């Protein structure tokens, strides 16, 4: 099934990746081995190096802090701590449990967004941040 925005969504994805790379210290910076220095990104090379089977497995092995609760978003003591939302190719995908359903072999890059970055990039409802997975096409 093709994405309704097709080519436009792909161009946007690559533009965002290029912008992140060119921002240097503020975005995604790479050293000679192709491994990311910026710890908010996980590259395809890093995922391959740990032989991860799923997105969850890759994140757990490489950046476990992405999976940590971000605190309570409610005064209700029965409300669980908030966790980041998951996006795939900039489209809402679900909660963190859905990461287990994404094959590591399909991933080009994983990016963690802080709460403010996620609110700006994806809109309301991302008070605990977001994990965006860009897939290979």
N, C-alpha and C. Protein backbone atom coordinates (compact mmCIF):
# COMPACT_ATOMS: atom_id res chain seq x y z
N UNK A 1 0.85 -1.18 0.00
CA UNK A 1 0.00 0.00 0.00
C UNK A 1 0.89 1.23 0.00
N UNK A 2 0.64 2.15 -0.92
CA UNK A 2 1.48 3.34 -0.97
C UNK A 2 0.95 4.40 -0.01
N UNK A 3 1.86 5.18 0.48
CA UNK A 3 1.53 6.25 1.41
C UNK A 3 0.80 7.33 0.64
N UNK A 4 -0.26 7.94 1.21
CA UNK A 4 -1.03 8.93 0.47
C UNK A 4 -0.21 10.14 0.04
N UNK A 5 0.86 10.42 0.75
CA UNK A 5 1.70 11.55 0.38
C UNK A 5 2.92 11.11 -0.41
N UNK A 6 3.16 9.78 -0.47
CA UNK A 6 4.19 9.15 -1.28
C UNK A 6 5.51 9.87 -1.35
N UNK A 7 5.83 10.37 -2.54
CA UNK A 7 7.10 11.01 -2.82
C UNK A 7 7.34 12.21 -1.92
N UNK A 8 6.32 12.96 -1.63
CA UNK A 8 6.46 14.16 -0.79
C UNK A 8 6.91 13.78 0.62
N UNK A 9 6.34 12.72 1.19
CA UNK A 9 6.73 12.28 2.54
C UNK A 9 8.17 11.81 2.54
N UNK A 10 8.59 11.10 1.49
CA UNK A 10 9.97 10.62 1.41
C UNK A 10 10.94 11.79 1.33
N UNK A 11 10.61 12.79 0.51
CA UNK A 11 11.48 13.97 0.39
C UNK A 11 11.58 14.68 1.72
N UNK A 12 10.46 14.82 2.42
CA UNK A 12 10.45 15.48 3.72
C UNK A 12 11.34 14.73 4.70
N UNK A 13 11.26 13.41 4.69
CA UNK A 13 12.06 12.57 5.58
C UNK A 13 13.55 12.80 5.32
N UNK A 14 13.95 12.80 4.07
CA UNK A 14 15.35 12.99 3.74
C UNK A 14 15.80 14.41 4.04
N UNK A 15 14.93 15.39 3.83
CA UNK A 15 15.27 16.77 4.19
C UNK A 15 15.53 16.89 5.67
N UNK A 16 14.68 16.27 6.49
CA UNK A 16 14.87 16.32 7.94
C UNK A 16 16.17 15.64 8.33
N UNK A 17 16.51 14.54 7.70
CA UNK A 17 17.74 13.83 8.01
C UNK A 17 18.95 14.69 7.62
N UNK A 18 18.90 15.31 6.45
CA UNK A 18 20.00 16.16 6.01
C UNK A 18 20.15 17.37 6.91
N UNK A 19 19.04 17.99 7.29
CA UNK A 19 19.10 19.14 8.19
C UNK A 19 19.73 18.73 9.51
N UNK A 20 19.33 17.59 10.03
CA UNK A 20 19.91 17.10 11.30
C UNK A 20 21.40 16.88 11.19
N UNK A 21 21.85 16.32 10.08
CA UNK A 21 23.27 16.06 9.89
C UNK A 21 24.05 17.37 9.79
N UNK A 22 23.51 18.35 9.07
CA UNK A 22 24.23 19.59 8.87
C UNK A 22 24.24 20.50 10.09
N UNK A 23 23.39 20.27 11.04
CA UNK A 23 23.38 21.11 12.23
C UNK A 23 24.56 20.84 13.15
N UNK A 24 25.30 19.78 12.90
CA UNK A 24 26.49 19.50 13.69
C UNK A 24 26.15 19.16 15.12
N UNK A 25 26.65 19.92 16.05
CA UNK A 25 26.47 19.63 17.48
C UNK A 25 25.01 19.67 17.88
N UNK A 26 24.20 20.48 17.24
CA UNK A 26 22.79 20.57 17.59
C UNK A 26 21.94 19.50 16.93
N UNK A 27 22.48 18.84 15.93
CA UNK A 27 21.73 17.81 15.24
C UNK A 27 22.47 16.50 15.31
N UNK A 28 22.48 15.80 14.23
CA UNK A 28 23.15 14.50 14.21
C UNK A 28 24.53 14.67 13.62
N UNK A 29 25.54 14.37 14.38
CA UNK A 29 26.92 14.47 13.90
C UNK A 29 27.49 13.06 13.81
N UNK A 30 28.34 12.83 12.81
CA UNK A 30 28.91 11.51 12.62
C UNK A 30 30.43 11.59 12.63
N UNK A 31 31.06 10.54 13.16
CA UNK A 31 32.50 10.46 13.03
C UNK A 31 32.82 9.44 11.94
N UNK A 32 34.08 9.23 11.66
CA UNK A 32 34.49 8.44 10.50
C UNK A 32 33.89 7.06 10.40
N UNK A 33 33.62 6.40 11.49
CA UNK A 33 33.08 5.04 11.43
C UNK A 33 31.62 4.99 11.03
N UNK A 34 30.97 6.14 10.86
CA UNK A 34 29.57 6.16 10.50
C UNK A 34 28.66 6.00 11.71
N UNK A 35 29.23 5.97 12.89
CA UNK A 35 28.44 5.83 14.11
C UNK A 35 28.07 7.21 14.61
N UNK A 36 26.84 7.35 15.08
CA UNK A 36 26.42 8.68 15.51
C UNK A 36 27.08 9.07 16.81
N UNK A 37 27.42 10.34 16.93
CA UNK A 37 27.97 10.91 18.16
C UNK A 37 26.82 11.44 18.99
N UNK A 38 25.84 12.06 18.35
CA UNK A 38 24.66 12.59 19.02
C UNK A 38 23.85 11.42 19.55
N UNK A 39 23.66 11.37 20.85
CA UNK A 39 23.01 10.22 21.48
C UNK A 39 21.49 10.25 21.35
N UNK A 40 20.91 11.20 20.61
CA UNK A 40 19.47 11.17 20.37
C UNK A 40 19.15 10.39 19.09
N UNK A 41 20.17 9.91 18.40
CA UNK A 41 20.02 9.14 17.16
C UNK A 41 20.62 7.76 17.33
N UNK A 42 20.06 6.80 16.64
CA UNK A 42 20.67 5.47 16.51
C UNK A 42 20.74 5.18 15.01
N UNK A 43 21.93 4.95 14.52
CA UNK A 43 22.12 4.73 13.09
C UNK A 43 21.93 3.26 12.72
N UNK A 44 21.76 3.03 11.44
CA UNK A 44 21.64 1.66 10.92
C UNK A 44 22.88 0.85 11.26
N UNK A 45 24.06 1.46 11.17
CA UNK A 45 25.32 0.76 11.48
C UNK A 45 25.35 0.32 12.95
N UNK A 46 24.88 1.19 13.84
CA UNK A 46 24.84 0.82 15.26
C UNK A 46 23.89 -0.36 15.49
N UNK A 47 22.73 -0.31 14.85
CA UNK A 47 21.75 -1.39 14.99
C UNK A 47 22.34 -2.71 14.50
N UNK A 48 23.00 -2.66 13.35
CA UNK A 48 23.64 -3.86 12.81
C UNK A 48 24.73 -4.40 13.74
N UNK A 49 25.45 -3.49 14.39
CA UNK A 49 26.58 -3.91 15.24
C UNK A 49 26.15 -4.69 16.48
N UNK A 50 24.92 -4.50 16.94
CA UNK A 50 24.45 -5.22 18.14
C UNK A 50 23.54 -6.39 17.80
N UNK A 51 23.35 -6.65 16.51
CA UNK A 51 22.54 -7.78 16.03
C UNK A 51 21.14 -7.77 16.65
N UNK A 52 20.53 -6.60 16.67
CA UNK A 52 19.18 -6.44 17.22
C UNK A 52 18.17 -7.10 16.29
N UNK A 53 17.09 -7.61 16.88
CA UNK A 53 16.04 -8.23 16.08
C UNK A 53 14.83 -7.32 15.89
N UNK A 54 14.62 -6.41 16.83
CA UNK A 54 13.48 -5.49 16.76
C UNK A 54 13.95 -4.08 17.14
N UNK A 55 13.09 -3.11 16.90
CA UNK A 55 13.40 -1.74 17.31
C UNK A 55 13.57 -1.67 18.83
N UNK A 56 12.72 -2.37 19.55
CA UNK A 56 12.83 -2.38 21.01
C UNK A 56 14.18 -2.95 21.45
N UNK A 57 14.59 -4.05 20.84
CA UNK A 57 15.86 -4.68 21.17
C UNK A 57 17.03 -3.73 20.89
N UNK A 58 17.00 -3.05 19.75
CA UNK A 58 18.06 -2.10 19.40
C UNK A 58 18.14 -0.96 20.41
N UNK A 59 17.00 -0.39 20.74
CA UNK A 59 16.98 0.73 21.69
C UNK A 59 17.42 0.26 23.07
N UNK A 60 16.94 -0.90 23.50
CA UNK A 60 17.31 -1.43 24.82
C UNK A 60 18.82 -1.62 24.92
N UNK A 61 19.45 -2.10 23.85
CA UNK A 61 20.89 -2.35 23.85
C UNK A 61 21.72 -1.08 23.69
N UNK A 62 21.23 -0.13 22.90
CA UNK A 62 22.04 1.03 22.54
C UNK A 62 21.70 2.32 23.29
N UNK A 63 20.42 2.60 23.52
CA UNK A 63 20.00 3.83 24.20
C UNK A 63 18.83 3.54 25.13
N UNK A 64 19.04 2.75 26.19
CA UNK A 64 17.93 2.37 27.08
C UNK A 64 17.21 3.57 27.69
N UNK A 65 17.88 4.72 27.77
CA UNK A 65 17.23 5.90 28.33
C UNK A 65 16.04 6.36 27.49
N UNK A 66 15.97 5.98 26.20
CA UNK A 66 14.81 6.30 25.37
C UNK A 66 13.54 5.66 25.93
N UNK A 67 13.69 4.53 26.60
CA UNK A 67 12.55 3.73 27.07
C UNK A 67 12.11 4.08 28.49
N UNK A 68 12.82 4.99 29.14
CA UNK A 68 12.51 5.32 30.53
C UNK A 68 11.29 6.22 30.63
N UNK A 69 10.49 6.04 31.70
CA UNK A 69 9.34 6.93 31.94
C UNK A 69 9.82 8.37 32.12
N UNK A 70 9.01 9.30 31.71
CA UNK A 70 9.36 10.72 31.78
C UNK A 70 8.66 11.43 32.93
N UNK A 71 8.18 10.68 33.90
CA UNK A 71 7.51 11.30 35.04
C UNK A 71 6.01 11.27 34.88
N UNK A 72 5.34 11.70 35.88
CA UNK A 72 3.87 11.71 35.90
C UNK A 72 3.34 12.95 35.19
N UNK A 73 2.31 12.74 34.41
CA UNK A 73 1.65 13.83 33.70
C UNK A 73 0.32 14.18 34.36
N UNK A 74 0.03 13.52 35.50
CA UNK A 74 -1.24 13.72 36.18
C UNK A 74 -0.99 13.70 37.69
N UNK A 75 -1.87 14.35 38.43
CA UNK A 75 -1.79 14.30 39.89
C UNK A 75 -2.43 13.03 40.44
N UNK A 76 -3.11 12.28 39.59
CA UNK A 76 -3.74 11.02 39.99
C UNK A 76 -2.65 9.98 40.27
N UNK A 77 -2.54 9.49 41.51
CA UNK A 77 -1.48 8.52 41.84
C UNK A 77 -1.64 7.17 41.13
N UNK A 78 -2.82 6.90 40.58
CA UNK A 78 -3.06 5.64 39.88
C UNK A 78 -2.68 5.72 38.41
N UNK A 79 -2.43 6.92 37.93
CA UNK A 79 -2.03 7.13 36.54
C UNK A 79 -0.55 6.76 36.40
N UNK A 80 -0.20 5.85 35.46
CA UNK A 80 1.20 5.45 35.31
C UNK A 80 2.05 6.60 34.75
N UNK A 81 3.37 6.55 34.97
CA UNK A 81 4.26 7.56 34.40
C UNK A 81 4.16 7.55 32.87
N UNK A 82 4.37 8.68 32.28
CA UNK A 82 4.26 8.82 30.82
C UNK A 82 5.49 8.24 30.12
N UNK A 83 5.26 7.62 28.98
CA UNK A 83 6.31 7.08 28.13
C UNK A 83 6.21 7.74 26.76
N UNK A 84 7.31 7.79 26.03
CA UNK A 84 7.27 8.40 24.69
C UNK A 84 6.34 7.65 23.74
N UNK A 85 5.74 8.38 22.82
CA UNK A 85 4.95 7.79 21.74
C UNK A 85 5.91 7.30 20.66
N UNK A 86 5.45 6.36 19.85
CA UNK A 86 6.26 5.82 18.76
C UNK A 86 5.67 6.26 17.42
N UNK A 87 6.55 6.71 16.54
CA UNK A 87 6.19 7.11 15.18
C UNK A 87 7.05 6.30 14.21
N UNK A 88 6.48 5.95 13.09
CA UNK A 88 7.23 5.29 12.03
C UNK A 88 7.06 6.13 10.78
N UNK A 89 8.18 6.54 10.22
CA UNK A 89 8.19 7.43 9.05
C UNK A 89 7.29 8.64 9.28
N UNK A 90 7.41 9.22 10.47
CA UNK A 90 6.71 10.45 10.87
C UNK A 90 5.20 10.29 11.03
N UNK A 91 4.71 9.05 11.10
CA UNK A 91 3.29 8.78 11.30
C UNK A 91 3.11 8.06 12.63
N UNK A 92 2.09 8.46 13.41
CA UNK A 92 1.86 7.84 14.71
C UNK A 92 1.70 6.33 14.53
N UNK A 93 2.38 5.56 15.40
CA UNK A 93 2.37 4.10 15.30
C UNK A 93 1.80 3.45 16.56
N UNK A 94 2.02 4.07 17.72
CA UNK A 94 1.49 3.51 18.96
C UNK A 94 2.38 3.81 20.15
N UNK A 95 2.25 2.96 21.18
CA UNK A 95 3.06 3.17 22.37
C UNK A 95 4.34 2.32 22.28
N UNK A 96 5.14 2.38 23.32
CA UNK A 96 6.45 1.72 23.32
C UNK A 96 6.36 0.21 23.08
N UNK A 97 5.27 -0.42 23.48
CA UNK A 97 5.16 -1.87 23.27
C UNK A 97 5.19 -2.22 21.78
N UNK A 98 4.79 -1.28 20.93
CA UNK A 98 4.78 -1.52 19.48
C UNK A 98 6.18 -1.64 18.89
N UNK A 99 7.20 -1.17 19.63
CA UNK A 99 8.58 -1.27 19.13
C UNK A 99 9.00 -2.71 18.91
N UNK A 100 8.40 -3.63 19.65
CA UNK A 100 8.74 -5.06 19.51
C UNK A 100 8.25 -5.62 18.16
N UNK A 101 7.31 -4.93 17.52
CA UNK A 101 6.74 -5.39 16.25
C UNK A 101 7.45 -4.82 15.02
N UNK A 102 8.49 -4.04 15.24
CA UNK A 102 9.21 -3.42 14.13
C UNK A 102 10.55 -4.13 13.97
N UNK A 103 10.75 -4.77 12.83
CA UNK A 103 11.98 -5.52 12.57
C UNK A 103 13.17 -4.56 12.46
N UNK A 104 14.24 -4.90 13.14
CA UNK A 104 15.46 -4.07 13.09
C UNK A 104 16.02 -4.00 11.67
N UNK A 105 15.80 -5.03 10.88
CA UNK A 105 16.31 -5.07 9.51
C UNK A 105 15.68 -4.00 8.61
N UNK A 106 14.53 -3.46 9.01
CA UNK A 106 13.84 -2.46 8.18
C UNK A 106 14.20 -1.03 8.57
N UNK A 107 15.04 -0.85 9.60
CA UNK A 107 15.28 0.48 10.15
C UNK A 107 16.51 1.15 9.55
N UNK A 108 16.34 2.40 9.13
CA UNK A 108 17.44 3.22 8.65
C UNK A 108 18.01 4.05 9.80
N UNK A 109 17.13 4.64 10.61
CA UNK A 109 17.57 5.46 11.74
C UNK A 109 16.45 5.54 12.77
N UNK A 110 16.85 5.67 14.04
CA UNK A 110 15.90 5.89 15.14
C UNK A 110 16.28 7.21 15.78
N UNK A 111 15.30 8.07 16.00
CA UNK A 111 15.54 9.39 16.60
C UNK A 111 14.64 9.56 17.80
N UNK A 112 15.23 10.00 18.91
CA UNK A 112 14.45 10.34 20.10
C UNK A 112 14.23 11.85 20.13
N UNK A 113 12.99 12.25 20.37
CA UNK A 113 12.63 13.66 20.49
C UNK A 113 12.25 13.96 21.94
N UNK A 114 12.79 15.02 22.49
CA UNK A 114 12.38 15.46 23.83
C UNK A 114 10.92 15.90 23.75
N UNK A 115 10.32 16.18 24.89
CA UNK A 115 8.91 16.59 24.90
C UNK A 115 8.67 17.82 24.03
N UNK A 116 9.51 18.83 24.16
CA UNK A 116 9.30 20.05 23.37
C UNK A 116 9.53 19.79 21.88
N UNK A 117 10.55 19.02 21.54
CA UNK A 117 10.79 18.68 20.14
C UNK A 117 9.64 17.86 19.56
N UNK A 118 9.13 16.91 20.34
CA UNK A 118 8.03 16.05 19.88
C UNK A 118 6.75 16.85 19.69
N UNK A 119 6.47 17.77 20.60
CA UNK A 119 5.28 18.61 20.47
C UNK A 119 5.36 19.42 19.18
N UNK A 120 6.54 19.94 18.87
CA UNK A 120 6.74 20.74 17.67
C UNK A 120 6.65 19.86 16.40
N UNK A 121 7.31 18.70 16.43
CA UNK A 121 7.36 17.84 15.25
C UNK A 121 6.06 17.10 14.97
N UNK A 122 5.39 16.63 16.05
CA UNK A 122 4.25 15.74 15.86
C UNK A 122 2.94 16.27 16.45
N UNK A 123 3.00 17.35 17.20
CA UNK A 123 1.77 17.93 17.74
C UNK A 123 1.50 17.53 19.17
N UNK A 124 0.33 17.89 19.62
CA UNK A 124 -0.08 17.65 21.00
C UNK A 124 -0.12 16.16 21.32
N UNK A 125 -0.01 15.87 22.61
CA UNK A 125 -0.09 14.48 23.05
C UNK A 125 1.25 13.79 23.14
N UNK A 126 2.32 14.55 23.07
CA UNK A 126 3.67 13.99 23.13
C UNK A 126 4.47 14.56 24.30
N UNK A 127 3.80 14.71 25.42
CA UNK A 127 4.43 15.33 26.59
C UNK A 127 5.58 14.52 27.18
N UNK A 128 5.69 13.26 26.82
CA UNK A 128 6.80 12.43 27.29
C UNK A 128 7.85 12.23 26.21
N UNK A 129 7.73 12.96 25.12
CA UNK A 129 8.65 12.82 24.03
C UNK A 129 8.14 11.81 23.00
N UNK A 130 9.02 11.50 22.05
CA UNK A 130 8.64 10.58 20.97
C UNK A 130 9.87 9.86 20.44
N UNK A 131 9.63 8.67 19.93
CA UNK A 131 10.66 7.91 19.22
C UNK A 131 10.17 7.78 17.79
N UNK A 132 10.95 8.30 16.84
CA UNK A 132 10.58 8.23 15.43
C UNK A 132 11.53 7.27 14.73
N UNK A 133 10.99 6.31 14.02
CA UNK A 133 11.78 5.34 13.29
C UNK A 133 11.60 5.60 11.80
N UNK A 134 12.71 5.84 11.13
CA UNK A 134 12.68 6.01 9.68
C UNK A 134 13.10 4.68 9.06
N UNK A 135 12.25 4.16 8.20
CA UNK A 135 12.51 2.84 7.61
C UNK A 135 13.20 2.96 6.27
N UNK A 136 13.82 1.86 5.86
CA UNK A 136 14.45 1.77 4.54
C UNK A 136 13.34 1.63 3.50
N UNK A 137 13.52 2.22 2.36
CA UNK A 137 12.53 2.07 1.28
C UNK A 137 13.17 1.49 0.06
